[in-house]
Amino acid sequence: MKFKAEIDVMPLDALLDPQGKAVTGSMKNIGLEAIDGVRIGRHVRLFVEAASKEEAEQKVEEACKKLLANQIMESYTYTVEPVS
């Protein structure tokens, strides 16, 4: 079976996010003072072949831990759904 994974990788809350800080400052400059606390991360979409959803989730978890996220500085969440 083929599965689609949607993965969000974000900097840990305890760490500075220079990109997010710059965007937050820019929001104020364009009149959007109500927007604050911007954090910038990345979104990854991938497809995986697996016998079951559980196996696909295990493969996605391994990809996140080994390559897609730096666990010292980032957290990640993901969803895995079958492709129809």
C-alpha atoms as a PDB file:
ATOM      1  CA  MET A   1       0.000   0.000   0.000  1.00  0.00           C
ATOM      2  CA  LYS A   2       1.033   3.583  -0.523  1.00  0.00           C
ATOM      3  CA  PHE A   3       0.729   6.188   2.243  1.00  0.00           C
ATOM      4  CA  LYS A   4       1.153   9.954   2.305  1.00  0.00           C
ATOM      5  CA  ALA A   5       2.889  11.533   5.275  1.00  0.00           C
ATOM      6  CA  GLU A   6       2.606  15.220   6.178  1.00  0.00           C
ATOM      7  CA  ILE A   7       5.412  16.228   8.558  1.00  0.00           C
ATOM      8  CA  ASP A   8       5.848  19.538  10.401  1.00  0.00           C
ATOM      9  CA  VAL A   9       9.261  20.348  11.865  1.00  0.00           C
ATOM     10  CA  MET A  10       9.519  23.316  14.234  1.00  0.00           C
ATOM     11  CA  PRO A  11      12.265  24.830  16.380  1.00  0.00           C
ATOM     12  CA  LEU A  12      11.905  23.963  20.051  1.00  0.00           C
ATOM     13  CA  ASP A  13      10.049  26.638  22.035  1.00  0.00           C
ATOM     14  CA  ALA A  14      13.042  27.109  24.343  1.00  0.00           C
ATOM     15  CA  LEU A  15      15.295  28.125  21.421  1.00  0.00           C
ATOM     16  CA  LEU A  16      15.529  31.435  19.635  1.00  0.00           C
ATOM     17  CA  ASP A  17      13.923  31.609  16.211  1.00  0.00           C
ATOM     18  CA  PRO A  18      15.634  34.474  14.337  1.00  0.00           C
ATOM     19  CA  GLN A  19      13.441  34.044  11.255  1.00  0.00           C
ATOM     20  CA  GLY A  20      10.277  34.099  13.342  1.00  0.00           C
ATOM     21  CA  LYS A  21      11.497  37.145  15.240  1.00  0.00           C
ATOM     22  CA  ALA A  22      12.196  38.996  11.977  1.00  0.00           C
ATOM     23  CA  VAL A  23       8.747  38.152  10.617  1.00  0.00           C
ATOM     24  CA  THR A  24       7.119  39.226  13.897  1.00  0.00           C
ATOM     25  CA  GLY A  25       8.889  42.603  13.595  1.00  0.00           C
ATOM     26  CA  SER A  26       7.780  42.945   9.986  1.00  0.00           C
ATOM     27  CA  MET A  27       4.167  42.316  10.961  1.00  0.00           C
ATOM     28  CA  LYS A  28       4.287  45.400  13.157  1.00  0.00           C
ATOM     29  CA  ASN A  29       5.849  47.401  10.306  1.00  0.00           C
ATOM     30  CA  ILE A  30       2.933  46.609   7.975  1.00  0.00           C
ATOM     31  CA  GLY A  31       0.232  47.418  10.511  1.00  0.00           C
ATOM     32  CA  LEU A  32      -0.415  43.920  11.845  1.00  0.00           C
ATOM     33  CA  GLU A  33       0.474  44.587  15.491  1.00  0.00           C
ATOM     34  CA  ALA A  34      -2.008  41.941  16.661  1.00  0.00           C
ATOM     35  CA  ILE A  35       0.237  39.182  15.233  1.00  0.00           C
ATOM     36  CA  ASP A  36       2.991  38.128  17.624  1.00  0.00           C
ATOM     37  CA  GLY A  37       5.152  35.127  18.468  1.00  0.00           C
ATOM     38  CA  VAL A  38       5.776  33.928  14.913  1.00  0.00           C
ATOM     39  CA  ARG A  39       7.793  30.681  14.695  1.00  0.00           C
ATOM     40  CA  ILE A  40       9.137  29.506  11.341  1.00  0.00           C
ATOM     41  CA  GLY A  41       9.518  25.801  10.615  1.00  0.00           C
ATOM     42  CA  ARG A  42       9.182  23.575   7.587  1.00  0.00           C
ATOM     43  CA  HIS A  43       6.649  21.206   6.127  1.00  0.00           C
ATOM     44  CA  VAL A  44       7.637  17.941   4.438  1.00  0.00           C
ATOM     45  CA  ARG A  45       5.323  15.740   2.384  1.00  0.00           C
ATOM     46  CA  LEU A  46       6.441  12.279   1.369  1.00  0.00           C
ATOM     47  CA  PHE A  47       5.023   9.007   0.138  1.00  0.00           C
ATOM     48  CA  VAL A  48       5.940   5.635   1.586  1.00  0.00           C
ATOM     49  CA  GLU A  49       5.241   2.056   0.555  1.00  0.00           C
ATOM     50  CA  ALA A  50       4.276  -0.149   3.497  1.00  0.00           C
ATOM     51  CA  ALA A  51       2.133  -3.189   4.288  1.00  0.00           C
ATOM     52  CA  SER A  52       0.125  -1.295   6.938  1.00  0.00           C
ATOM     53  CA  LYS A  53      -0.414   2.167   8.383  1.00  0.00           C
ATOM     54  CA  GLU A  54       1.558   1.152  11.473  1.00  0.00           C
ATOM     55  CA  GLU A  55       4.544   0.137   9.337  1.00  0.00           C
ATOM     56  CA  ALA A  56       4.313   3.407   7.383  1.00  0.00           C
ATOM     57  CA  GLU A  57       4.272   5.367  10.661  1.00  0.00           C
ATOM     58  CA  GLN A  58       7.359   3.489  11.851  1.00  0.00           C
ATOM     59  CA  LYS A  59       9.195   4.376   8.631  1.00  0.00           C
ATOM     60  CA  VAL A  60       8.170   8.039   8.899  1.00  0.00           C
ATOM     61  CA  GLU A  61       9.253   8.128  12.548  1.00  0.00           C
ATOM     62  CA  GLU A  62      12.640   6.695  11.591  1.00  0.00           C
ATOM     63  CA  ALA A  63      13.034   9.235   8.761  1.00  0.00           C
ATOM     64  CA  CYS A  64      12.237  12.083  11.152  1.00  0.00           C
ATOM     65  CA  LYS A  65      14.656  10.884  13.819  1.00  0.00           C
ATOM     66  CA  LYS A  66      17.522  10.070  11.451  1.00  0.00           C
ATOM     67  CA  LEU A  67      17.275  12.788   8.809  1.00  0.00           C
ATOM     68  CA  LEU A  68      14.376  15.233   8.754  1.00  0.00           C
ATOM     69  CA  ALA A  69      14.613  16.758  12.244  1.00  0.00           C
ATOM     70  CA  ASN A  70      17.504  17.712  14.485  1.00  0.00           C
ATOM     71  CA  GLN A  71      16.048  16.485  17.780  1.00  0.00           C
ATOM     72  CA  ILE A  72      18.403  18.699  19.803  1.00  0.00           C
ATOM     73  CA  MET A  73      16.869  21.847  18.296  1.00  0.00           C
ATOM     74  CA  GLU A  74      13.583  20.776  16.673  1.00  0.00           C
ATOM     75  CA  SER A  75      10.369  18.931  17.352  1.00  0.00           C
ATOM     76  CA  TYR A  76       8.178  17.233  14.774  1.00  0.00           C
ATOM     77  CA  THR A  77       4.654  15.988  14.286  1.00  0.00           C
ATOM     78  CA  TYR A  78       3.200  14.003  11.435  1.00  0.00           C
ATOM     79  CA  THR A  79       0.106  12.362  10.017  1.00  0.00           C
ATOM     80  CA  VAL A  80       0.063   9.286   7.804  1.00  0.00           C
ATOM     81  CA  GLU A  81      -2.908   8.496   5.568  1.00  0.00           C
ATOM     82  CA  PRO A  82      -3.443   5.899   2.825  1.00  0.00           C
ATOM     83  CA  VAL A  83      -3.373   7.186  -0.751  1.00  0.00           C
ATOM     84  CA  SER A  84      -6.482   6.244  -2.672  1.00  0.00           C
END
